[in-house]
Amino acid sequence: RNSQRWSFISCSVSLTFSAAMAGYTKEIVTEGAGDKTPLKGDTVSVHYTGTLKDGTKFDSSRDRDQKFEFTVGVGQVIKCWDEGVLTMKAGERATLHCDSDFAYGASGA
């Protein structure tokens, strides 16, 4: 099947650097349109703001006014994004709370 392009309003990432629980949680800020979600291998385009647990911003596509495009579900981004974005609908705005093992590891690198 041909890869589809998806565009999302926002994907805010909040990193939690602890080994307490593996995975991520998703908090929907604005519902997306329809029922379709991207499939593994689809190209998605997202705006994001990355923050640490204390709220410190470390990166933002919005600051550059340029969405970030990647192929979802194939390991091009942190596991939290690969799994979380696969659950998002077009136009959805959500906050993904990523545990360290689904992000950059316990040391944050």
C-alpha atoms as a PDB file:
ATOM      1  CA  ARG A   1       0.000   0.000   0.000  1.00  0.00           C
ATOM      2  CA  ASN A   2       1.170   3.530  -0.669  1.00  0.00           C
ATOM      3  CA  SER A   3       2.328   5.663   2.219  1.00  0.00           C
ATOM      4  CA  GLN A   4      -0.138   8.372   3.201  1.00  0.00           C
ATOM      5  CA  ARG A   5       0.645  11.844   4.457  1.00  0.00           C
ATOM      6  CA  TRP A   6      -0.912  12.985   7.717  1.00  0.00           C
ATOM      7  CA  SER A   7      -0.818  16.425   9.257  1.00  0.00           C
ATOM      8  CA  PHE A   8      -1.381  17.106  12.939  1.00  0.00           C
ATOM      9  CA  ILE A   9      -1.888  20.412  14.651  1.00  0.00           C
ATOM     10  CA  SER A  10       0.319  19.586  17.595  1.00  0.00           C
ATOM     11  CA  CYS A  11       2.125  16.892  19.468  1.00  0.00           C
ATOM     12  CA  SER A  12       3.467  18.257  22.721  1.00  0.00           C
ATOM     13  CA  VAL A  13       6.022  16.006  24.360  1.00  0.00           C
ATOM     14  CA  SER A  14       6.680  15.982  28.071  1.00  0.00           C
ATOM     15  CA  LEU A  15       9.606  13.799  29.109  1.00  0.00           C
ATOM     16  CA  THR A  16       9.747  12.080  32.465  1.00  0.00           C
ATOM     17  CA  PHE A  17      13.234  10.828  33.221  1.00  0.00           C
ATOM     18  CA  SER A  18      12.472   8.018  35.649  1.00  0.00           C
ATOM     19  CA  ALA A  19      12.519   4.262  35.438  1.00  0.00           C
ATOM     20  CA  ALA A  20       9.344   3.849  37.479  1.00  0.00           C
ATOM     21  CA  MET A  21       6.967   2.853  34.690  1.00  0.00           C
ATOM     22  CA  ALA A  22       7.591   1.938  31.062  1.00  0.00           C
ATOM     23  CA  GLY A  23       5.669   3.656  28.316  1.00  0.00           C
ATOM     24  CA  TYR A  24       3.728   6.819  27.774  1.00  0.00           C
ATOM     25  CA  THR A  25       0.358   8.408  28.374  1.00  0.00           C
ATOM     26  CA  LYS A  26      -1.588  10.592  25.972  1.00  0.00           C
ATOM     27  CA  GLU A  27      -3.708  13.545  27.002  1.00  0.00           C
ATOM     28  CA  ILE A  28      -5.971  14.786  24.193  1.00  0.00           C
ATOM     29  CA  VAL A  29      -6.128  18.578  24.141  1.00  0.00           C
ATOM     30  CA  THR A  30      -8.219  18.944  20.953  1.00  0.00           C
ATOM     31  CA  GLU A  31     -10.056  16.060  19.274  1.00  0.00           C
ATOM     32  CA  GLY A  32      -9.065  15.252  15.708  1.00  0.00           C
ATOM     33  CA  ALA A  33     -11.314  14.749  12.705  1.00  0.00           C
ATOM     34  CA  GLY A  34     -12.839  11.397  11.746  1.00  0.00           C
ATOM     35  CA  ASP A  35     -11.808   7.962  12.921  1.00  0.00           C
ATOM     36  CA  LYS A  36      -8.710   7.323  10.803  1.00  0.00           C
ATOM     37  CA  THR A  37      -5.272   7.206  12.334  1.00  0.00           C
ATOM     38  CA  PRO A  38      -1.957   6.828  10.516  1.00  0.00           C
ATOM     39  CA  LEU A  39      -0.553   3.374   9.868  1.00  0.00           C
ATOM     40  CA  LYS A  40       2.994   2.192  10.380  1.00  0.00           C
ATOM     41  CA  GLY A  41       5.016   3.497   7.432  1.00  0.00           C
ATOM     42  CA  ASP A  42       2.850   6.574   6.795  1.00  0.00           C
ATOM     43  CA  THR A  43       4.528   9.969   6.584  1.00  0.00           C
ATOM     44  CA  VAL A  44       3.282  12.356   9.260  1.00  0.00           C
ATOM     45  CA  SER A  45       3.874  16.057   9.789  1.00  0.00           C
ATOM     46  CA  VAL A  46       3.631  17.420  13.341  1.00  0.00           C
ATOM     47  CA  HIS A  47       4.162  20.567  15.310  1.00  0.00           C
ATOM     48  CA  TYR A  48       5.678  19.769  18.683  1.00  0.00           C
ATOM     49  CA  THR A  49       7.017  21.357  21.811  1.00  0.00           C
ATOM     50  CA  GLY A  50       9.361  19.238  23.893  1.00  0.00           C
ATOM     51  CA  THR A  51       9.463  19.951  27.607  1.00  0.00           C
ATOM     52  CA  LEU A  52      11.013  18.308  30.619  1.00  0.00           C
ATOM     53  CA  LYS A  53       8.899  17.213  33.570  1.00  0.00           C
ATOM     54  CA  ASP A  54       9.576  20.557  35.288  1.00  0.00           C
ATOM     55  CA  GLY A  55       8.195  22.435  32.254  1.00  0.00           C
ATOM     56  CA  THR A  56      11.561  23.507  30.817  1.00  0.00           C
ATOM     57  CA  LYS A  57      11.277  23.676  27.027  1.00  0.00           C
ATOM     58  CA  PHE A  58      14.150  21.997  25.171  1.00  0.00           C
ATOM     59  CA  ASP A  59      12.876  22.143  21.574  1.00  0.00           C
ATOM     60  CA  SER A  60       9.920  23.353  19.537  1.00  0.00           C
ATOM     61  CA  SER A  61       8.959  23.163  15.875  1.00  0.00           C
ATOM     62  CA  ARG A  62       6.632  26.083  16.552  1.00  0.00           C
ATOM     63  CA  ASP A  63       9.606  28.320  17.399  1.00  0.00           C
ATOM     64  CA  ARG A  64      10.951  27.576  13.898  1.00  0.00           C
ATOM     65  CA  ASP A  65       7.460  27.786  12.339  1.00  0.00           C
ATOM     66  CA  GLN A  66       8.158  24.510  10.539  1.00  0.00           C
ATOM     67  CA  LYS A  67       6.433  21.173  11.115  1.00  0.00           C
ATOM     68  CA  PHE A  68       8.559  18.073  11.655  1.00  0.00           C
ATOM     69  CA  GLU A  69       7.977  15.295   9.123  1.00  0.00           C
ATOM     70  CA  PHE A  70       8.832  11.632   9.693  1.00  0.00           C
ATOM     71  CA  THR A  71       7.773   8.103   8.849  1.00  0.00           C
ATOM     72  CA  VAL A  72       5.801   6.824  11.814  1.00  0.00           C
ATOM     73  CA  GLY A  73       6.282   3.401  13.390  1.00  0.00           C
ATOM     74  CA  VAL A  74       9.695   2.605  11.908  1.00  0.00           C
ATOM     75  CA  GLY A  75      12.106   3.903  14.574  1.00  0.00           C
ATOM     76  CA  GLN A  76      12.959   7.320  13.098  1.00  0.00           C
ATOM     77  CA  VAL A  77      11.830   9.023  16.324  1.00  0.00           C
ATOM     78  CA  ILE A  78      11.560   8.135  19.998  1.00  0.00           C
ATOM     79  CA  LYS A  79       9.310   5.179  20.787  1.00  0.00           C
ATOM     80  CA  CYS A  80       6.804   7.448  22.562  1.00  0.00           C
ATOM     81  CA  TRP A  81       6.203   9.301  19.292  1.00  0.00           C
ATOM     82  CA  ASP A  82       6.179   6.135  17.183  1.00  0.00           C
ATOM     83  CA  GLU A  83       3.438   4.617  19.321  1.00  0.00           C
ATOM     84  CA  GLY A  84       1.596   7.784  20.387  1.00  0.00           C
ATOM     85  CA  VAL A  85       1.287   9.383  16.945  1.00  0.00           C
ATOM     86  CA  LEU A  86      -0.134   6.124  15.580  1.00  0.00           C
ATOM     87  CA  THR A  87      -3.153   6.748  17.862  1.00  0.00           C
ATOM     88  CA  MET A  88      -3.733  10.342  16.723  1.00  0.00           C
ATOM     89  CA  LYS A  89      -6.345  11.543  14.248  1.00  0.00           C
ATOM     90  CA  ALA A  90      -5.718  14.263  11.659  1.00  0.00           C
ATOM     91  CA  GLY A  91      -5.902  17.674  13.340  1.00  0.00           C
ATOM     92  CA  GLU A  92      -5.659  16.234  16.850  1.00  0.00           C
ATOM     93  CA  ARG A  93      -3.702  18.117  19.465  1.00  0.00           C
ATOM     94  CA  ALA A  94      -2.358  15.992  22.288  1.00  0.00           C
ATOM     95  CA  THR A  95       0.276  15.905  24.979  1.00  0.00           C
ATOM     96  CA  LEU A  96       2.386  12.752  25.134  1.00  0.00           C
ATOM     97  CA  HIS A  97       3.927  12.118  28.555  1.00  0.00           C
ATOM     98  CA  CYS A  98       6.938   9.915  27.769  1.00  0.00           C
ATOM     99  CA  ASP A  99       8.720   7.740  30.294  1.00  0.00           C
ATOM    100  CA  SER A 100      12.487   7.616  29.926  1.00  0.00           C
ATOM    101  CA  ASP A 101      12.613   4.188  28.253  1.00  0.00           C
ATOM    102  CA  PHE A 102      10.198   5.456  25.575  1.00  0.00           C
ATOM    103  CA  ALA A 103      12.206   8.671  25.100  1.00  0.00           C
ATOM    104  CA  TYR A 104      15.914   9.378  25.530  1.00  0.00           C
ATOM    105  CA  GLY A 105      16.796   7.018  28.383  1.00  0.00           C
ATOM    106  CA  ALA A 106      17.221   7.623  32.114  1.00  0.00           C
ATOM    107  CA  SER A 107      20.132  10.035  31.581  1.00  0.00           C
ATOM    108  CA  GLY A 108      18.257  12.024  28.947  1.00  0.00           C
ATOM    109  CA  ALA A 109      20.768  11.449  26.178  1.00  0.00           C
END
